[in-house]
Amino acid sequence: MVLNEVYGLLKSIGAVRTESEFSRDWLGRSECYLRSIRFSGLEPSIHSIAVCASKLQHYGERMCASTEHEQLGKRFLGLAQQCHAQINTTAEHTWMVPQ
């Protein structure tokens, strides 16, 4: 799941300290969101992935504008692309698979 990769990166650079903080600040969800979907065996919502992709893209573009943080910015943009790919795959599955 791409959100686990995003969380790992953000934690490693000190942008978030806990899953609760990540769920609230990067997914726009309650503090127990990631823990709840993991416990329930559910996939994250497209909304949560989209919010995360938007933030990654926003900060990635700004970091790429500086030489000091360009590499990290490229990593953020790559993760944003992975989020968009997951959104697209989920959406295609919804309309392509016969009900």
PDB file of N, CA and C in Angstrom:
ATOM      1  N   MET A   1       0.851  -1.177   0.000  1.00  0.00           N
ATOM      2  CA  MET A   1       0.000   0.000   0.000  1.00  0.00           C
ATOM      3  C   MET A   1       0.896   1.239   0.000  1.00  0.00           C
ATOM      4  N   VAL A   2       0.630   2.126  -0.915  1.00  0.00           N
ATOM      5  CA  VAL A   2       1.452   3.325  -1.070  1.00  0.00           C
ATOM      6  C   VAL A   2       1.420   4.205   0.183  1.00  0.00           C
ATOM      7  N   LEU A   3       0.326   4.203   0.918  1.00  0.00           N
ATOM      8  CA  LEU A   3       0.254   5.043   2.113  1.00  0.00           C
ATOM      9  C   LEU A   3       1.267   4.611   3.167  1.00  0.00           C
ATOM     10  N   ASN A   4       1.558   3.319   3.226  1.00  0.00           N
ATOM     11  CA  ASN A   4       2.585   2.851   4.163  1.00  0.00           C
ATOM     12  C   ASN A   4       3.951   3.401   3.778  1.00  0.00           C
ATOM     13  N   GLU A   5       4.226   3.436   2.483  1.00  0.00           N
ATOM     14  CA  GLU A   5       5.490   3.979   2.003  1.00  0.00           C
ATOM     15  C   GLU A   5       5.582   5.479   2.301  1.00  0.00           C
ATOM     16  N   VAL A   6       4.486   6.188   2.079  1.00  0.00           N
ATOM     17  CA  VAL A   6       4.458   7.628   2.370  1.00  0.00           C
ATOM     18  C   VAL A   6       4.689   7.849   3.861  1.00  0.00           C
ATOM     19  N   TYR A   7       3.976   7.106   4.689  1.00  0.00           N
ATOM     20  CA  TYR A   7       4.132   7.246   6.137  1.00  0.00           C
ATOM     21  C   TYR A   7       5.580   6.986   6.546  1.00  0.00           C
ATOM     22  N   GLY A   8       6.179   5.935   6.003  1.00  0.00           N
ATOM     23  CA  GLY A   8       7.563   5.614   6.335  1.00  0.00           C
ATOM     24  C   GLY A   8       8.518   6.745   5.982  1.00  0.00           C
ATOM     25  N   LEU A   9       8.337   7.335   4.812  1.00  0.00           N
ATOM     26  CA  LEU A   9       9.191   8.449   4.403  1.00  0.00           C
ATOM     27  C   LEU A   9       8.994   9.651   5.317  1.00  0.00           C
ATOM     28  N   LEU A  10       7.740  10.016   5.540  1.00  0.00           N
ATOM     29  CA  LEU A  10       7.455  11.184   6.372  1.00  0.00           C
ATOM     30  C   LEU A  10       7.984  11.003   7.793  1.00  0.00           C
ATOM     31  N   LYS A  11       7.878   9.798   8.312  1.00  0.00           N
ATOM     32  CA  LYS A  11       8.391   9.531   9.654  1.00  0.00           C
ATOM     33  C   LYS A  11       9.921   9.618   9.658  1.00  0.00           C
ATOM     34  N   SER A  12      10.554   9.094   8.622  1.00  0.00           N
ATOM     35  CA  SER A  12      12.022   9.093   8.576  1.00  0.00           C
ATOM     36  C   SER A  12      12.609  10.501   8.475  1.00  0.00           C
ATOM     37  N   ILE A  13      11.864  11.434   7.905  1.00  0.00           N
ATOM     38  CA  ILE A  13      12.369  12.815   7.791  1.00  0.00           C
ATOM     39  C   ILE A  13      11.842  13.709   8.916  1.00  0.00           C
ATOM     40  N   GLY A  14      11.055  13.146   9.825  1.00  0.00           N
ATOM     41  CA  GLY A  14      10.551  13.899  10.962  1.00  0.00           C
ATOM     42  C   GLY A  14       9.341  14.771  10.676  1.00  0.00           C
ATOM     43  N   ALA A  15       8.684  14.534   9.541  1.00  0.00           N
ATOM     44  CA  ALA A  15       7.486  15.319   9.201  1.00  0.00           C
ATOM     45  C   ALA A  15       6.273  14.883  10.015  1.00  0.00           C
ATOM     46  N   VAL A  16       6.250  13.615  10.416  1.00  0.00           N
ATOM     47  CA  VAL A  16       5.222  13.092  11.317  1.00  0.00           C
ATOM     48  C   VAL A  16       5.914  12.197  12.338  1.00  0.00           C
ATOM     49  N   ARG A  17       5.284  12.055  13.486  1.00  0.00           N
ATOM     50  CA  ARG A  17       5.859  11.195  14.521  1.00  0.00           C
ATOM     51  C   ARG A  17       5.111   9.876  14.652  1.00  0.00           C
ATOM     52  N   THR A  18       3.791   9.894  14.373  1.00  0.00           N
ATOM     53  CA  THR A  18       2.974   8.707  14.600  1.00  0.00           C
ATOM     54  C   THR A  18       1.992   8.492  13.449  1.00  0.00           C
ATOM     55  N   GLU A  19       1.441   7.273  13.394  1.00  0.00           N
ATOM     56  CA  GLU A  19       0.382   6.979  12.426  1.00  0.00           C
ATOM     57  C   GLU A  19      -0.823   7.869  12.662  1.00  0.00           C
ATOM     58  N   SER A  20      -1.094   8.170  13.904  1.00  0.00           N
ATOM     59  CA  SER A  20      -2.234   9.028  14.235  1.00  0.00           C
ATOM     60  C   SER A  20      -2.059  10.409  13.621  1.00  0.00           C
ATOM     61  N   GLU A  21      -0.867  10.955  13.762  1.00  0.00           N
ATOM     62  CA  GLU A  21      -0.570  12.260  13.192  1.00  0.00           C
ATOM     63  C   GLU A  21      -0.658  12.217  11.661  1.00  0.00           C
ATOM     64  N   PHE A  22      -0.131  11.156  11.068  1.00  0.00           N
ATOM     65  CA  PHE A  22      -0.200  10.980   9.615  1.00  0.00           C
ATOM     66  C   PHE A  22      -1.653  10.896   9.147  1.00  0.00           C
ATOM     67  N   SER A  23      -2.460  10.097   9.832  1.00  0.00           N
ATOM     68  CA  SER A  23      -3.871   9.945   9.457  1.00  0.00           C
ATOM     69  C   SER A  23      -4.594  11.288   9.489  1.00  0.00           C
ATOM     70  N   ARG A  24      -4.340  12.046  10.516  1.00  0.00           N
ATOM     71  CA  ARG A  24      -5.014  13.335  10.682  1.00  0.00           C
ATOM     72  C   ARG A  24      -4.486  14.387   9.700  1.00  0.00           C
ATOM     73  N   ASP A  25      -3.157  14.541   9.640  1.00  0.00           N
ATOM     74  CA  ASP A  25      -2.572  15.660   8.904  1.00  0.00           C
ATOM     75  C   ASP A  25      -2.339  15.392   7.421  1.00  0.00           C
ATOM     76  N   TRP A  26      -2.166  14.135   7.026  1.00  0.00           N
ATOM     77  CA  TRP A  26      -1.854  13.835   5.632  1.00  0.00           C
ATOM     78  C   TRP A  26      -2.973  13.111   4.894  1.00  0.00           C
ATOM     79  N   LEU A  27      -3.927  12.556   5.640  1.00  0.00           N
ATOM     80  CA  LEU A  27      -5.047  11.863   4.992  1.00  0.00           C
ATOM     81  C   LEU A  27      -6.372  12.564   5.229  1.00  0.00           C
ATOM     82  N   GLY A  28      -6.392  13.524   6.137  1.00  0.00           N
ATOM     83  CA  GLY A  28      -7.630  14.231   6.450  1.00  0.00           C
ATOM     84  C   GLY A  28      -8.648  13.346   7.143  1.00  0.00           C
ATOM     85  N   ARG A  29      -8.157  12.418   7.924  1.00  0.00           N
ATOM     86  CA  ARG A  29      -9.029  11.447   8.607  1.00  0.00           C
ATOM     87  C   ARG A  29      -8.832  11.523  10.119  1.00  0.00           C
ATOM     88  N   SER A  30      -9.558  10.674  10.820  1.00  0.00           N
ATOM     89  CA  SER A  30      -9.403  10.614  12.271  1.00  0.00           C
ATOM     90  C   SER A  30      -8.044  10.000  12.614  1.00  0.00           C
ATOM     91  N   GLU A  31      -7.626  10.221  13.839  1.00  0.00           N
ATOM     92  CA  GLU A  31      -6.324   9.726  14.275  1.00  0.00           C
ATOM     93  C   GLU A  31      -6.201   8.204  14.240  1.00  0.00           C
ATOM     94  N   CYS A  32      -7.315   7.498  14.283  1.00  0.00           N
ATOM     95  CA  CYS A  32      -7.264   6.033  14.299  1.00  0.00           C
ATOM     96  C   CYS A  32      -7.490   5.418  12.905  1.00  0.00           C
ATOM     97  N   TYR A  33      -7.511   6.242  11.861  1.00  0.00           N
ATOM     98  CA  TYR A  33      -7.869   5.760  10.521  1.00  0.00           C
ATOM     99  C   TYR A  33      -6.970   4.625  10.023  1.00  0.00           C
ATOM    100  N   LEU A  34      -5.676   4.836   9.966  1.00  0.00           N
ATOM    101  CA  LEU A  34      -4.787   3.787   9.441  1.00  0.00           C
ATOM    102  C   LEU A  34      -4.868   2.523  10.275  1.00  0.00           C
ATOM    103  N   ARG A  35      -4.869   2.681  11.566  1.00  0.00           N
ATOM    104  CA  ARG A  35      -4.963   1.533  12.473  1.00  0.00           C
ATOM    105  C   ARG A  35      -6.266   0.776  12.228  1.00  0.00           C
ATOM    106  N   SER A  36      -7.351   1.502  12.036  1.00  0.00           N
ATOM    107  CA  SER A  36      -8.662   0.873  11.822  1.00  0.00           C
ATOM    108  C   SER A  36      -8.730   0.088  10.519  1.00  0.00           C
ATOM    109  N   ILE A  37      -8.219   0.667   9.429  1.00  0.00           N
ATOM    110  CA  ILE A  37      -8.311  -0.069   8.164  1.00  0.00           C
ATOM    111  C   ILE A  37      -7.379  -1.268   8.168  1.00  0.00           C
ATOM    112  N   ARG A  38      -6.222  -1.143   8.831  1.00  0.00           N
ATOM    113  CA  ARG A  38      -5.311  -2.283   8.923  1.00  0.00           C
ATOM    114  C   ARG A  38      -5.963  -3.410   9.727  1.00  0.00           C
ATOM    115  N   PHE A  39      -6.564  -3.075  10.858  1.00  0.00           N
ATOM    116  CA  PHE A  39      -7.213  -4.061  11.711  1.00  0.00           C
ATOM    117  C   PHE A  39      -8.385  -4.731  10.989  1.00  0.00           C
ATOM    118  N   SER A  40      -9.127  -3.953  10.202  1.00  0.00           N
ATOM    119  CA  SER A  40     -10.300  -4.474   9.495  1.00  0.00           C
ATOM    120  C   SER A  40      -9.946  -5.159   8.182  1.00  0.00           C
ATOM    121  N   GLY A  41      -8.700  -5.010   7.736  1.00  0.00           N
ATOM    122  CA  GLY A  41      -8.290  -5.606   6.463  1.00  0.00           C
ATOM    123  C   GLY A  41      -8.867  -4.879   5.263  1.00  0.00           C
ATOM    124  N   LEU A  42      -9.206  -3.606   5.435  1.00  0.00           N
ATOM    125  CA  LEU A  42      -9.798  -2.820   4.355  1.00  0.00           C
ATOM    126  C   LEU A  42      -8.735  -2.037   3.606  1.00  0.00           C
ATOM    127  N   GLU A  43      -9.075  -1.626   2.403  1.00  0.00           N
ATOM    128  CA  GLU A  43      -8.219  -0.751   1.620  1.00  0.00           C
ATOM    129  C   GLU A  43      -8.536   0.696   2.006  1.00  0.00           C
ATOM    130  N   PRO A  44      -7.553   1.583   1.906  1.00  0.00           N
ATOM    131  CA  PRO A  44      -7.849   2.993   2.197  1.00  0.00           C
ATOM    132  C   PRO A  44      -8.811   3.559   1.160  1.00  0.00           C
ATOM    133  N   SER A  45      -9.565   4.549   1.561  1.00  0.00           N
ATOM    134  CA  SER A  45     -10.529   5.168   0.649  1.00  0.00           C
ATOM    135  C   SER A  45      -9.799   5.979  -0.420  1.00  0.00           C
ATOM    136  N   ILE A  46     -10.452   6.122  -1.563  1.00  0.00           N
ATOM    137  CA  ILE A  46      -9.896   6.946  -2.630  1.00  0.00           C
ATOM    138  C   ILE A  46      -9.733   8.380  -2.127  1.00  0.00           C
ATOM    139  N   HIS A  47     -10.661   8.850  -1.326  1.00  0.00           N
ATOM    140  CA  HIS A  47     -10.578  10.198  -0.768  1.00  0.00           C
ATOM    141  C   HIS A  47      -9.280  10.380   0.015  1.00  0.00           C
ATOM    142  N   SER A  48      -8.957   9.442   0.868  1.00  0.00           N
ATOM    143  CA  SER A  48      -7.743   9.541   1.680  1.00  0.00           C
ATOM    144  C   SER A  48      -6.496   9.548   0.811  1.00  0.00           C
ATOM    145  N   ILE A  49      -6.470   8.695  -0.186  1.00  0.00           N
ATOM    146  CA  ILE A  49      -5.320   8.628  -1.080  1.00  0.00           C
ATOM    147  C   ILE A  49      -5.205   9.924  -1.881  1.00  0.00           C
ATOM    148  N   ALA A  50      -6.336  10.465  -2.314  1.00  0.00           N
ATOM    149  CA  ALA A  50      -6.328  11.709  -3.087  1.00  0.00           C
ATOM    150  C   ALA A  50      -5.825  12.888  -2.260  1.00  0.00           C
ATOM    151  N   VAL A  51      -6.245  12.979  -1.008  1.00  0.00           N
ATOM    152  CA  VAL A  51      -5.770  14.057  -0.135  1.00  0.00           C
ATOM    153  C   VAL A  51      -4.257  13.948   0.044  1.00  0.00           C
ATOM    154  N   CYS A  52      -3.784  12.739   0.268  1.00  0.00           N
ATOM    155  CA  CYS A  52      -2.355  12.513   0.434  1.00  0.00           C
ATOM    156  C   CYS A  52      -1.596  12.883  -0.848  1.00  0.00           C
ATOM    157  N   ALA A  53      -2.101  12.449  -1.996  1.00  0.00           N
ATOM    158  CA  ALA A  53      -1.458  12.765  -3.281  1.00  0.00           C
ATOM    159  C   ALA A  53      -1.378  14.264  -3.498  1.00  0.00           C
ATOM    160  N   SER A  54      -2.430  14.974  -3.155  1.00  0.00           N
ATOM    161  CA  SER A  54      -2.459  16.416  -3.325  1.00  0.00           C
ATOM    162  C   SER A  54      -1.386  17.099  -2.473  1.00  0.00           C
ATOM    163  N   LYS A  55      -1.275  16.675  -1.213  1.00  0.00           N
ATOM    164  CA  LYS A  55      -0.262  17.267  -0.331  1.00  0.00           C
ATOM    165  C   LYS A  55       1.144  16.928  -0.806  1.00  0.00           C
ATOM    166  N   LEU A  56       1.352  15.682  -1.222  1.00  0.00           N
ATOM    167  CA  LEU A  56       2.669  15.285  -1.715  1.00  0.00           C
ATOM    168  C   LEU A  56       3.061  16.109  -2.935  1.00  0.00           C
ATOM    169  N   GLN A  57       2.115  16.296  -3.839  1.00  0.00           N
ATOM    170  CA  GLN A  57       2.398  17.067  -5.044  1.00  0.00           C
ATOM    171  C   GLN A  57       2.678  18.530  -4.698  1.00  0.00           C
ATOM    172  N   HIS A  58       1.873  19.085  -3.837  1.00  0.00           N
ATOM    173  CA  HIS A  58       2.052  20.481  -3.416  1.00  0.00           C
ATOM    174  C   HIS A  58       3.455  20.699  -2.853  1.00  0.00           C
ATOM    175  N   TYR A  59       3.825  19.894  -1.863  1.00  0.00           N
ATOM    176  CA  TYR A  59       5.129  20.082  -1.231  1.00  0.00           C
ATOM    177  C   TYR A  59       6.271  19.628  -2.133  1.00  0.00           C
ATOM    178  N   GLY A  60       6.043  18.604  -2.928  1.00  0.00           N
ATOM    179  CA  GLY A  60       7.067  18.136  -3.852  1.00  0.00           C
ATOM    180  C   GLY A  60       7.447  19.200  -4.859  1.00  0.00           C
ATOM    181  N   GLU A  61       6.470  19.869  -5.422  1.00  0.00           N
ATOM    182  CA  GLU A  61       6.744  20.938  -6.394  1.00  0.00           C
ATOM    183  C   GLU A  61       7.528  22.075  -5.759  1.00  0.00           C
ATOM    184  N   ARG A  62       7.183  22.416  -4.539  1.00  0.00           N
ATOM    185  CA  ARG A  62       7.894  23.496  -3.866  1.00  0.00           C
ATOM    186  C   ARG A  62       9.326  23.103  -3.521  1.00  0.00           C
ATOM    187  N   MET A  63       9.522  21.853  -3.106  1.00  0.00           N
ATOM    188  CA  MET A  63      10.873  21.403  -2.787  1.00  0.00           C
ATOM    189  C   MET A  63      11.741  21.307  -4.039  1.00  0.00           C
ATOM    190  N   CYS A  64      11.153  20.946  -5.159  1.00  0.00           N
ATOM    191  CA  CYS A  64      11.912  20.850  -6.408  1.00  0.00           C
ATOM    192  C   CYS A  64      12.384  22.218  -6.887  1.00  0.00           C
ATOM    193  N   ALA A  65      11.755  23.253  -6.403  1.00  0.00           N
ATOM    194  CA  ALA A  65      12.152  24.607  -6.790  1.00  0.00           C
ATOM    195  C   ALA A  65      13.435  25.047  -6.091  1.00  0.00           C
ATOM    196  N   SER A  66      13.868  24.288  -5.080  1.00  0.00           N
ATOM    197  CA  SER A  66      15.113  24.632  -4.387  1.00  0.00           C
ATOM    198  C   SER A  66      16.119  23.505  -4.582  1.00  0.00           C
ATOM    199  N   THR A  67      17.356  23.854  -4.724  1.00  0.00           N
ATOM    200  CA  THR A  67      18.385  22.818  -4.909  1.00  0.00           C
ATOM    201  C   THR A  67      18.613  22.028  -3.626  1.00  0.00           C
ATOM    202  N   GLU A  68      18.363  22.652  -2.491  1.00  0.00           N
ATOM    203  CA  GLU A  68      18.594  21.999  -1.199  1.00  0.00           C
ATOM    204  C   GLU A  68      17.684  20.785  -0.984  1.00  0.00           C
ATOM    205  N   HIS A  69      16.439  20.879  -1.443  1.00  0.00           N
ATOM    206  CA  HIS A  69      15.459  19.815  -1.185  1.00  0.00           C
ATOM    207  C   HIS A  69      14.949  19.157  -2.463  1.00  0.00           C
ATOM    208  N   GLU A  70      15.648  19.345  -3.552  1.00  0.00           N
ATOM    209  CA  GLU A  70      15.170  18.843  -4.846  1.00  0.00           C
ATOM    210  C   GLU A  70      14.988  17.324  -4.854  1.00  0.00           C
ATOM    211  N   GLN A  71      15.932  16.589  -4.297  1.00  0.00           N
ATOM    212  CA  GLN A  71      15.829  15.120  -4.300  1.00  0.00           C
ATOM    213  C   GLN A  71      14.606  14.646  -3.519  1.00  0.00           C
ATOM    214  N   LEU A  72      14.390  15.231  -2.355  1.00  0.00           N
ATOM    215  CA  LEU A  72      13.220  14.874  -1.555  1.00  0.00           C
ATOM    216  C   LEU A  72      11.947  15.278  -2.289  1.00  0.00           C
ATOM    217  N   GLY A  73      11.962  16.425  -2.948  1.00  0.00           N
ATOM    218  CA  GLY A  73      10.808  16.852  -3.733  1.00  0.00           C
ATOM    219  C   GLY A  73      10.470  15.860  -4.826  1.00  0.00           C
ATOM    220  N   LYS A  74      11.486  15.338  -5.494  1.00  0.00           N
ATOM    221  CA  LYS A  74      11.259  14.329  -6.535  1.00  0.00           C
ATOM    222  C   LYS A  74      10.672  13.057  -5.935  1.00  0.00           C
ATOM    223  N   ARG A  75      11.113  12.720  -4.749  1.00  0.00           N
ATOM    224  CA  ARG A  75      10.555  11.534  -4.072  1.00  0.00           C
ATOM    225  C   ARG A  75       9.079  11.754  -3.739  1.00  0.00           C
ATOM    226  N   PHE A  76       8.751  12.952  -3.252  1.00  0.00           N
ATOM    227  CA  PHE A  76       7.354  13.287  -2.965  1.00  0.00           C
ATOM    228  C   PHE A  76       6.512  13.181  -4.242  1.00  0.00           C
ATOM    229  N   LEU A  77       7.025  13.728  -5.336  1.00  0.00           N
ATOM    230  CA  LEU A  77       6.275  13.694  -6.602  1.00  0.00           C
ATOM    231  C   LEU A  77       6.098  12.266  -7.101  1.00  0.00           C
ATOM    232  N   GLY A  78       7.104  11.436  -6.918  1.00  0.00           N
ATOM    233  CA  GLY A  78       6.976  10.030  -7.299  1.00  0.00           C
ATOM    234  C   GLY A  78       5.908   9.317  -6.488  1.00  0.00           C
ATOM    235  N   LEU A  79       5.869   9.595  -5.201  1.00  0.00           N
ATOM    236  CA  LEU A  79       4.832   8.994  -4.350  1.00  0.00           C
ATOM    237  C   LEU A  79       3.450   9.527  -4.708  1.00  0.00           C
ATOM    238  N   ALA A  80       3.366  10.796  -5.072  1.00  0.00           N
ATOM    239  CA  ALA A  80       2.084  11.357  -5.519  1.00  0.00           C
ATOM    240  C   ALA A  80       1.608  10.609  -6.757  1.00  0.00           C
ATOM    241  N   GLN A  81       2.526  10.316  -7.684  1.00  0.00           N
ATOM    242  CA  GLN A  81       2.170   9.553  -8.890  1.00  0.00           C
ATOM    243  C   GLN A  81       1.682   8.150  -8.531  1.00  0.00           C
ATOM    244  N   GLN A  82       2.326   7.525  -7.562  1.00  0.00           N
ATOM    245  CA  GLN A  82       1.878   6.203  -7.113  1.00  0.00           C
ATOM    246  C   GLN A  82       0.473   6.273  -6.524  1.00  0.00           C
ATOM    247  N   CYS A  83       0.196   7.328  -5.780  1.00  0.00           N
ATOM    248  CA  CYS A  83      -1.155   7.514  -5.234  1.00  0.00           C
ATOM    249  C   CYS A  83      -2.167   7.652  -6.365  1.00  0.00           C
ATOM    250  N   HIS A  84      -1.834   8.468  -7.369  1.00  0.00           N
ATOM    251  CA  HIS A  84      -2.750   8.650  -8.498  1.00  0.00           C
ATOM    252  C   HIS A  84      -2.970   7.332  -9.249  1.00  0.00           C
ATOM    253  N   ALA A  85      -1.929   6.541  -9.388  1.00  0.00           N
ATOM    254  CA  ALA A  85      -2.058   5.241 -10.058  1.00  0.00           C
ATOM    255  C   ALA A  85      -2.981   4.312  -9.263  1.00  0.00           C
ATOM    256  N   GLN A  86      -2.861   4.336  -7.934  1.00  0.00           N
ATOM    257  CA  GLN A  86      -3.729   3.499  -7.107  1.00  0.00           C
ATOM    258  C   GLN A  86      -5.179   3.960  -7.216  1.00  0.00           C
ATOM    259  N   ILE A  87      -5.401   5.266  -7.245  1.00  0.00           N
ATOM    260  CA  ILE A  87      -6.751   5.800  -7.415  1.00  0.00           C
ATOM    261  C   ILE A  87      -7.329   5.329  -8.738  1.00  0.00           C
ATOM    262  N   ASN A  88      -6.543   5.429  -9.797  1.00  0.00           N
ATOM    263  CA  ASN A  88      -7.010   5.028 -11.117  1.00  0.00           C
ATOM    264  C   ASN A  88      -7.318   3.536 -11.174  1.00  0.00           C
ATOM    265  N   THR A  89      -6.465   2.723 -10.606  1.00  0.00           N
ATOM    266  CA  THR A  89      -6.696   1.268 -10.597  1.00  0.00           C
ATOM    267  C   THR A  89      -7.981   0.930  -9.863  1.00  0.00           C
ATOM    268  N   THR A  90      -8.192   1.551  -8.716  1.00  0.00           N
ATOM    269  CA  THR A  90      -9.416   1.307  -7.941  1.00  0.00           C
ATOM    270  C   THR A  90     -10.645   1.758  -8.710  1.00  0.00           C
ATOM    271  N   ALA A  91     -10.562   2.921  -9.335  1.00  0.00           N
ATOM    272  CA  ALA A  91     -11.699   3.440 -10.103  1.00  0.00           C
ATOM    273  C   ALA A  91     -12.005   2.546 -11.298  1.00  0.00           C
ATOM    274  N   GLU A  92     -10.983   2.114 -12.024  1.00  0.00           N
ATOM    275  CA  GLU A  92     -11.198   1.223 -13.168  1.00  0.00           C
ATOM    276  C   GLU A  92     -11.841  -0.084 -12.730  1.00  0.00           C
ATOM    277  N   HIS A  93     -11.393  -0.596 -11.606  1.00  0.00           N
ATOM    278  CA  HIS A  93     -11.977  -1.841 -11.103  1.00  0.00           C
ATOM    279  C   HIS A  93     -13.472  -1.670 -10.839  1.00  0.00           C
ATOM    280  N   THR A  94     -13.857  -0.493 -10.374  1.00  0.00           N
ATOM    281  CA  THR A  94     -15.258  -0.218 -10.077  1.00  0.00           C
ATOM    282  C   THR A  94     -16.119  -0.241 -11.334  1.00  0.00           C
ATOM    283  N   TRP A  95     -15.659   0.369 -12.416  1.00  0.00           N
ATOM    284  CA  TRP A  95     -16.505   0.452 -13.609  1.00  0.00           C
ATOM    285  C   TRP A  95     -16.224  -0.628 -14.644  1.00  0.00           C
ATOM    286  N   MET A  96     -15.088  -1.318 -14.555  1.00  0.00           N
ATOM    287  CA  MET A  96     -14.776  -2.324 -15.566  1.00  0.00           C
ATOM    288  C   MET A  96     -15.252  -3.727 -15.188  1.00  0.00           C
ATOM    289  N   VAL A  97     -15.291  -4.012 -13.919  1.00  0.00           N
ATOM    290  CA  VAL A  97     -15.664  -5.346 -13.454  1.00  0.00           C
ATOM    291  C   VAL A  97     -17.179  -5.458 -13.449  1.00  0.00           C
ATOM    292  N   PRO A  98     -17.730  -6.458 -14.152  1.00  0.00           N
ATOM    293  CA  PRO A  98     -19.189  -6.618 -14.160  1.00  0.00           C
ATOM    294  C   PRO A  98     -19.708  -6.903 -12.759  1.00  0.00           C
ATOM    295  N   GLN A  99     -20.809  -6.286 -12.435  1.00  0.00           N
ATOM    296  CA  GLN A  99     -21.420  -6.477 -11.127  1.00  0.00           C
ATOM    297  C   GLN A  99     -22.308  -7.705 -11.116  1.00  0.00           C
TER     298      GLN A  99
END
